[in-house]
Amino acid sequence: MKDIEQIYRNDFGISFYWKEGNEIISDKVQLLFKQMGFYFSVQELNEFHDLIEDCVTDHNNYDTRGVKRAFDKFLLKTPYVAIDLEISPMELNSIKDLVDGSLFRLNLNEYIYGSGMN
């Protein structure tokens, strides 16, 4: 896959920049998981992160007689108001890891190659 620059990957999905020739197109991040693709700006990726955190909080508050049920499905909002995703708790954890890992790598690269350079 010469046409991408991988940012982060887990067993559930991958995030990357598209490349045009040898140049990385870094204004948007492609996020692929569960046979879906989202092409987010960093701001939209941060918004998605916040929506995931809200969903995790809501899910942690939801239980049935003290026992969380792994087979329950619920909606995860996206930065695109017309699109919500039906996901399981396991998928939520995998998406959370993918977005958290992607943002960590983006922030680390920004620090190393941007504001952290002497």
C-alpha atoms as a PDB file:
ATOM      1  CA  MET A   1       0.000   0.000   0.000  1.00  0.00           C
ATOM      2  CA  LYS A   2       2.245   2.743  -1.310  1.00  0.00           C
ATOM      3  CA  ASP A   3      -0.571   5.295  -1.559  1.00  0.00           C
ATOM      4  CA  ILE A   4      -1.029   5.776   2.182  1.00  0.00           C
ATOM      5  CA  GLU A   5       0.980   6.877   5.212  1.00  0.00           C
ATOM      6  CA  GLN A   6      -0.278   4.852   8.183  1.00  0.00           C
ATOM      7  CA  ILE A   7      -0.995   6.749  11.387  1.00  0.00           C
ATOM      8  CA  TYR A   8      -2.404   4.019  13.623  1.00  0.00           C
ATOM      9  CA  ARG A   9      -3.820   0.511  13.295  1.00  0.00           C
ATOM     10  CA  ASN A  10      -5.544  -2.007  15.535  1.00  0.00           C
ATOM     11  CA  ASP A  11      -7.392  -5.268  14.878  1.00  0.00           C
ATOM     12  CA  PHE A  12     -10.581  -3.324  14.122  1.00  0.00           C
ATOM     13  CA  GLY A  13      -9.379  -0.635  11.735  1.00  0.00           C
ATOM     14  CA  ILE A  14      -6.743   1.743  10.482  1.00  0.00           C
ATOM     15  CA  SER A  15      -6.128   5.480  10.183  1.00  0.00           C
ATOM     16  CA  PHE A  16      -3.871   6.982   7.566  1.00  0.00           C
ATOM     17  CA  TYR A  17      -3.054   9.925   5.353  1.00  0.00           C
ATOM     18  CA  TRP A  18      -3.463   9.582   1.600  1.00  0.00           C
ATOM     19  CA  LYS A  19      -0.344  10.167  -0.481  1.00  0.00           C
ATOM     20  CA  GLU A  20      -0.171  11.791  -3.873  1.00  0.00           C
ATOM     21  CA  GLY A  21       3.084  10.699  -5.414  1.00  0.00           C
ATOM     22  CA  ASN A  22       5.644  11.123  -2.635  1.00  0.00           C
ATOM     23  CA  GLU A  23       3.701  13.923  -0.940  1.00  0.00           C
ATOM     24  CA  ILE A  24       1.497  13.212   2.087  1.00  0.00           C
ATOM     25  CA  ILE A  25      -1.905  14.926   2.050  1.00  0.00           C
ATOM     26  CA  SER A  26      -2.079  15.826   5.740  1.00  0.00           C
ATOM     27  CA  ASP A  27      -5.161  18.043   5.941  1.00  0.00           C
ATOM     28  CA  LYS A  28      -7.498  15.051   6.404  1.00  0.00           C
ATOM     29  CA  VAL A  29      -7.244  11.638   8.084  1.00  0.00           C
ATOM     30  CA  GLN A  30      -8.865   8.557   6.562  1.00  0.00           C
ATOM     31  CA  LEU A  31     -10.405   6.347   9.257  1.00  0.00           C
ATOM     32  CA  LEU A  32     -11.509   2.847   8.169  1.00  0.00           C
ATOM     33  CA  PHE A  33     -13.375   0.345  10.336  1.00  0.00           C
ATOM     34  CA  LYS A  34     -16.343  -2.010  10.091  1.00  0.00           C
ATOM     35  CA  GLN A  35     -16.464  -1.720   6.270  1.00  0.00           C
ATOM     36  CA  MET A  36     -16.854   2.067   6.583  1.00  0.00           C
ATOM     37  CA  GLY A  37     -14.603   4.986   5.860  1.00  0.00           C
ATOM     38  CA  PHE A  38     -14.612   8.477   7.271  1.00  0.00           C
ATOM     39  CA  TYR A  39     -12.432  11.254   5.903  1.00  0.00           C
ATOM     40  CA  PHE A  40     -11.981  13.585   8.885  1.00  0.00           C
ATOM     41  CA  SER A  41     -10.118  16.805   9.436  1.00  0.00           C
ATOM     42  CA  VAL A  42      -8.196  16.775  12.716  1.00  0.00           C
ATOM     43  CA  GLN A  43     -10.931  18.968  14.219  1.00  0.00           C
ATOM     44  CA  GLU A  44     -13.605  16.457  13.145  1.00  0.00           C
ATOM     45  CA  LEU A  45     -11.503  13.602  14.524  1.00  0.00           C
ATOM     46  CA  ASN A  46     -11.349  15.448  17.859  1.00  0.00           C
ATOM     47  CA  GLU A  47     -15.145  15.950  17.726  1.00  0.00           C
ATOM     48  CA  PHE A  48     -15.563  12.218  17.047  1.00  0.00           C
ATOM     49  CA  HIS A  49     -13.317  11.513  20.037  1.00  0.00           C
ATOM     50  CA  ASP A  50     -15.575  13.645  22.243  1.00  0.00           C
ATOM     51  CA  LEU A  51     -18.686  11.869  20.936  1.00  0.00           C
ATOM     52  CA  ILE A  52     -17.061   8.513  21.668  1.00  0.00           C
ATOM     53  CA  GLU A  53     -16.238   9.647  25.218  1.00  0.00           C
ATOM     54  CA  ASP A  54     -19.873  10.704  25.699  1.00  0.00           C
ATOM     55  CA  CYS A  55     -21.020   7.316  24.404  1.00  0.00           C
ATOM     56  CA  VAL A  56     -18.618   5.478  26.739  1.00  0.00           C
ATOM     57  CA  THR A  57     -19.938   7.502  29.673  1.00  0.00           C
ATOM     58  CA  ASP A  58     -23.537   6.795  28.680  1.00  0.00           C
ATOM     59  CA  HIS A  59     -22.770   3.094  28.215  1.00  0.00           C
ATOM     60  CA  ASN A  60     -21.038   2.878  31.598  1.00  0.00           C
ATOM     61  CA  ASN A  61     -24.130   4.405  33.209  1.00  0.00           C
ATOM     62  CA  TYR A  62     -26.335   1.857  31.426  1.00  0.00           C
ATOM     63  CA  ASP A  63     -26.564  -1.557  32.957  1.00  0.00           C
ATOM     64  CA  THR A  64     -29.297  -4.038  33.641  1.00  0.00           C
ATOM     65  CA  ARG A  65     -29.547  -5.112  37.274  1.00  0.00           C
ATOM     66  CA  GLY A  66     -25.837  -4.434  37.724  1.00  0.00           C
ATOM     67  CA  VAL A  67     -24.749  -6.585  34.769  1.00  0.00           C
ATOM     68  CA  LYS A  68     -23.632  -5.023  31.503  1.00  0.00           C
ATOM     69  CA  ARG A  69     -24.757  -7.036  28.502  1.00  0.00           C
ATOM     70  CA  ALA A  70     -22.126  -7.413  25.783  1.00  0.00           C
ATOM     71  CA  PHE A  71     -24.739  -8.100  23.107  1.00  0.00           C
ATOM     72  CA  ASP A  72     -26.563  -4.779  23.464  1.00  0.00           C
ATOM     73  CA  LYS A  73     -26.296  -2.399  20.526  1.00  0.00           C
ATOM     74  CA  PHE A  74     -26.556   1.361  20.728  1.00  0.00           C
ATOM     75  CA  LEU A  75     -25.964   4.446  18.575  1.00  0.00           C
ATOM     76  CA  LEU A  76     -22.675   6.291  18.317  1.00  0.00           C
ATOM     77  CA  LYS A  77     -23.002   9.792  16.901  1.00  0.00           C
ATOM     78  CA  THR A  78     -20.463  11.064  14.382  1.00  0.00           C
ATOM     79  CA  PRO A  79     -19.384  14.608  13.484  1.00  0.00           C
ATOM     80  CA  TYR A  80     -21.700  14.244  10.471  1.00  0.00           C
ATOM     81  CA  VAL A  81     -25.105  14.916  12.031  1.00  0.00           C
ATOM     82  CA  ALA A  82     -26.906  12.773   9.457  1.00  0.00           C
ATOM     83  CA  ILE A  83     -24.839   9.669  10.338  1.00  0.00           C
ATOM     84  CA  ASP A  84     -25.045   7.580  13.510  1.00  0.00           C
ATOM     85  CA  LEU A  85     -23.498   4.134  13.878  1.00  0.00           C
ATOM     86  CA  GLU A  86     -25.123   1.103  15.489  1.00  0.00           C
ATOM     87  CA  ILE A  87     -22.346  -0.577  17.464  1.00  0.00           C
ATOM     88  CA  SER A  88     -21.752  -3.085  20.227  1.00  0.00           C
ATOM     89  CA  PRO A  89     -19.779  -2.381  23.399  1.00  0.00           C
ATOM     90  CA  MET A  90     -16.800  -4.314  21.982  1.00  0.00           C
ATOM     91  CA  GLU A  91     -16.914  -2.251  18.795  1.00  0.00           C
ATOM     92  CA  LEU A  92     -17.090   0.932  20.860  1.00  0.00           C
ATOM     93  CA  ASN A  93     -13.899  -0.046  22.693  1.00  0.00           C
ATOM     94  CA  SER A  94     -12.157  -0.832  19.401  1.00  0.00           C
ATOM     95  CA  ILE A  95     -13.245   2.447  17.789  1.00  0.00           C
ATOM     96  CA  LYS A  96     -12.180   4.325  20.926  1.00  0.00           C
ATOM     97  CA  ASP A  97      -8.729   2.708  20.774  1.00  0.00           C
ATOM     98  CA  LEU A  98      -8.427   3.516  17.064  1.00  0.00           C
ATOM     99  CA  VAL A  99      -9.343   7.184  17.521  1.00  0.00           C
ATOM    100  CA  ASP A 100      -7.304   7.595  20.731  1.00  0.00           C
ATOM    101  CA  GLY A 101      -4.254   5.985  19.120  1.00  0.00           C
ATOM    102  CA  SER A 102      -4.638   8.099  15.994  1.00  0.00           C
ATOM    103  CA  LEU A 103      -4.899  11.343  17.955  1.00  0.00           C
ATOM    104  CA  PHE A 104      -1.941  10.361  20.133  1.00  0.00           C
ATOM    105  CA  ARG A 105       0.231   9.771  17.059  1.00  0.00           C
ATOM    106  CA  LEU A 106      -0.967  12.992  15.400  1.00  0.00           C
ATOM    107  CA  ASN A 107      -0.238  15.022  18.544  1.00  0.00           C
ATOM    108  CA  LEU A 108       3.132  13.322  19.027  1.00  0.00           C
ATOM    109  CA  ASN A 109       4.150  14.035  15.429  1.00  0.00           C
ATOM    110  CA  GLU A 110       2.987  17.631  15.750  1.00  0.00           C
ATOM    111  CA  TYR A 111       5.126  18.028  18.868  1.00  0.00           C
ATOM    112  CA  ILE A 112       8.201  16.297  17.438  1.00  0.00           C
ATOM    113  CA  TYR A 113       8.137  17.904  13.996  1.00  0.00           C
ATOM    114  CA  GLY A 114       6.303  21.116  14.894  1.00  0.00           C
ATOM    115  CA  SER A 115       6.185  23.006  18.153  1.00  0.00           C
ATOM    116  CA  GLY A 116       8.761  20.782  19.903  1.00  0.00           C
ATOM    117  CA  MET A 117      11.533  21.395  17.428  1.00  0.00           C
ATOM    118  CA  ASN A 118      14.331  23.669  18.589  1.00  0.00           C
END
